[in-house]
Amino acid sequence: MPLLRPPLRGGRLRGAPGGILTYATDRLYEEIAYVAYYLHWTREEILDLEHAERQRFVREIGALNSRISGD
């Protein structure tokens, strides 16, 4: 029978190792509001985007706003 590995970091884990981290709810609402405001998309359309794609739209909208305002 193989030996068991020692615990990570020499102590107890606070959560399941390798678990999925959740995206902050407040941040998600900010992104939805931002994209909806500028592109007039529905909440469902925005939530259907992959996380990385939604963040890309947020960055692109921000870049356009910066260019327009001369920042």
C-alpha atoms as a PDB file:
ATOM      1  CA  MET A   1       0.000   0.000   0.000  1.00  0.00           C
ATOM      2  CA  PRO A   2       1.477   3.424  -0.931  1.00  0.00           C
ATOM      3  CA  LEU A   3       2.291   5.943   1.761  1.00  0.00           C
ATOM      4  CA  LEU A   4      -0.052   8.896   2.222  1.00  0.00           C
ATOM      5  CA  ARG A   5       1.292  12.334   1.420  1.00  0.00           C
ATOM      6  CA  PRO A   6       1.742  14.771   4.309  1.00  0.00           C
ATOM      7  CA  PRO A   7      -0.741  17.680   4.561  1.00  0.00           C
ATOM      8  CA  LEU A   8      -0.022  20.733   2.440  1.00  0.00           C
ATOM      9  CA  ARG A   9       1.656  23.687   4.149  1.00  0.00           C
ATOM     10  CA  GLY A  10       1.929  21.615   7.334  1.00  0.00           C
ATOM     11  CA  GLY A  11      -1.591  22.504   8.480  1.00  0.00           C
ATOM     12  CA  ARG A  12      -5.246  22.184   7.779  1.00  0.00           C
ATOM     13  CA  LEU A  13      -6.686  23.437   4.529  1.00  0.00           C
ATOM     14  CA  ARG A  14      -9.359  26.110   4.733  1.00  0.00           C
ATOM     15  CA  GLY A  15     -11.146  24.863   1.652  1.00  0.00           C
ATOM     16  CA  ALA A  16     -11.093  21.986  -0.723  1.00  0.00           C
ATOM     17  CA  PRO A  17      -7.804  21.871  -2.647  1.00  0.00           C
ATOM     18  CA  GLY A  18      -8.221  22.548  -6.323  1.00  0.00           C
ATOM     19  CA  GLY A  19     -11.702  23.926  -5.794  1.00  0.00           C
ATOM     20  CA  ILE A  20     -13.274  26.552  -7.979  1.00  0.00           C
ATOM     21  CA  LEU A  21     -12.911  30.088  -6.756  1.00  0.00           C
ATOM     22  CA  THR A  22     -16.038  32.159  -7.133  1.00  0.00           C
ATOM     23  CA  TYR A  23     -16.027  35.469  -8.921  1.00  0.00           C
ATOM     24  CA  ALA A  24     -16.952  38.328  -6.618  1.00  0.00           C
ATOM     25  CA  THR A  25     -20.655  39.051  -6.953  1.00  0.00           C
ATOM     26  CA  ASP A  26     -20.150  42.819  -6.693  1.00  0.00           C
ATOM     27  CA  ARG A  27     -17.578  42.721  -9.494  1.00  0.00           C
ATOM     28  CA  LEU A  28     -19.879  40.659 -11.699  1.00  0.00           C
ATOM     29  CA  TYR A  29     -22.724  43.160 -11.231  1.00  0.00           C
ATOM     30  CA  GLU A  30     -20.350  46.026 -12.064  1.00  0.00           C
ATOM     31  CA  GLU A  31     -19.325  44.330 -15.303  1.00  0.00           C
ATOM     32  CA  ILE A  32     -22.940  43.571 -16.245  1.00  0.00           C
ATOM     33  CA  ALA A  33     -24.034  47.151 -15.562  1.00  0.00           C
ATOM     34  CA  TYR A  34     -21.067  48.595 -17.459  1.00  0.00           C
ATOM     35  CA  VAL A  35     -21.565  46.499 -20.592  1.00  0.00           C
ATOM     36  CA  ALA A  36     -25.366  46.883 -20.489  1.00  0.00           C
ATOM     37  CA  TYR A  37     -25.069  50.664 -20.168  1.00  0.00           C
ATOM     38  CA  TYR A  38     -22.756  51.084 -23.143  1.00  0.00           C
ATOM     39  CA  LEU A  39     -23.890  48.302 -25.466  1.00  0.00           C
ATOM     40  CA  HIS A  40     -27.559  48.083 -24.422  1.00  0.00           C
ATOM     41  CA  TRP A  41     -27.377  44.316 -24.115  1.00  0.00           C
ATOM     42  CA  THR A  42     -29.651  42.359 -21.794  1.00  0.00           C
ATOM     43  CA  ARG A  43     -28.428  40.779 -18.585  1.00  0.00           C
ATOM     44  CA  GLU A  44     -28.887  37.334 -20.137  1.00  0.00           C
ATOM     45  CA  GLU A  45     -26.840  38.237 -23.215  1.00  0.00           C
ATOM     46  CA  ILE A  46     -24.001  39.480 -21.038  1.00  0.00           C
ATOM     47  CA  LEU A  47     -24.105  36.471 -18.711  1.00  0.00           C
ATOM     48  CA  ASP A  48     -23.978  34.169 -21.740  1.00  0.00           C
ATOM     49  CA  LEU A  49     -20.485  35.504 -22.492  1.00  0.00           C
ATOM     50  CA  GLU A  50     -17.493  33.560 -21.241  1.00  0.00           C
ATOM     51  CA  HIS A  51     -15.762  35.259 -18.319  1.00  0.00           C
ATOM     52  CA  ALA A  52     -12.704  36.240 -20.362  1.00  0.00           C
ATOM     53  CA  GLU A  53     -14.835  37.549 -23.220  1.00  0.00           C
ATOM     54  CA  ARG A  54     -16.940  39.683 -20.858  1.00  0.00           C
ATOM     55  CA  GLN A  55     -13.788  41.127 -19.309  1.00  0.00           C
ATOM     56  CA  ARG A  56     -12.468  41.896 -22.789  1.00  0.00           C
ATOM     57  CA  PHE A  57     -15.604  43.905 -23.576  1.00  0.00           C
ATOM     58  CA  VAL A  58     -15.161  45.815 -20.299  1.00  0.00           C
ATOM     59  CA  ARG A  59     -11.545  46.653 -21.227  1.00  0.00           C
ATOM     60  CA  GLU A  60     -12.464  47.685 -24.769  1.00  0.00           C
ATOM     61  CA  ILE A  61     -15.299  49.930 -23.596  1.00  0.00           C
ATOM     62  CA  GLY A  62     -12.912  51.498 -21.076  1.00  0.00           C
ATOM     63  CA  ALA A  63     -10.300  52.089 -23.781  1.00  0.00           C
ATOM     64  CA  LEU A  64     -12.865  53.749 -26.042  1.00  0.00           C
ATOM     65  CA  ASN A  65     -14.007  55.993 -23.204  1.00  0.00           C
ATOM     66  CA  SER A  66     -10.411  56.948 -22.434  1.00  0.00           C
ATOM     67  CA  ARG A  67      -9.753  57.828 -26.078  1.00  0.00           C
ATOM     68  CA  ILE A  68     -12.909  59.909 -26.306  1.00  0.00           C
ATOM     69  CA  SER A  69     -12.160  61.807 -23.099  1.00  0.00           C
ATOM     70  CA  GLY A  70      -8.520  62.336 -24.095  1.00  0.00           C
ATOM     71  CA  ASP A  71      -7.002  60.448 -21.139  1.00  0.00           C
END
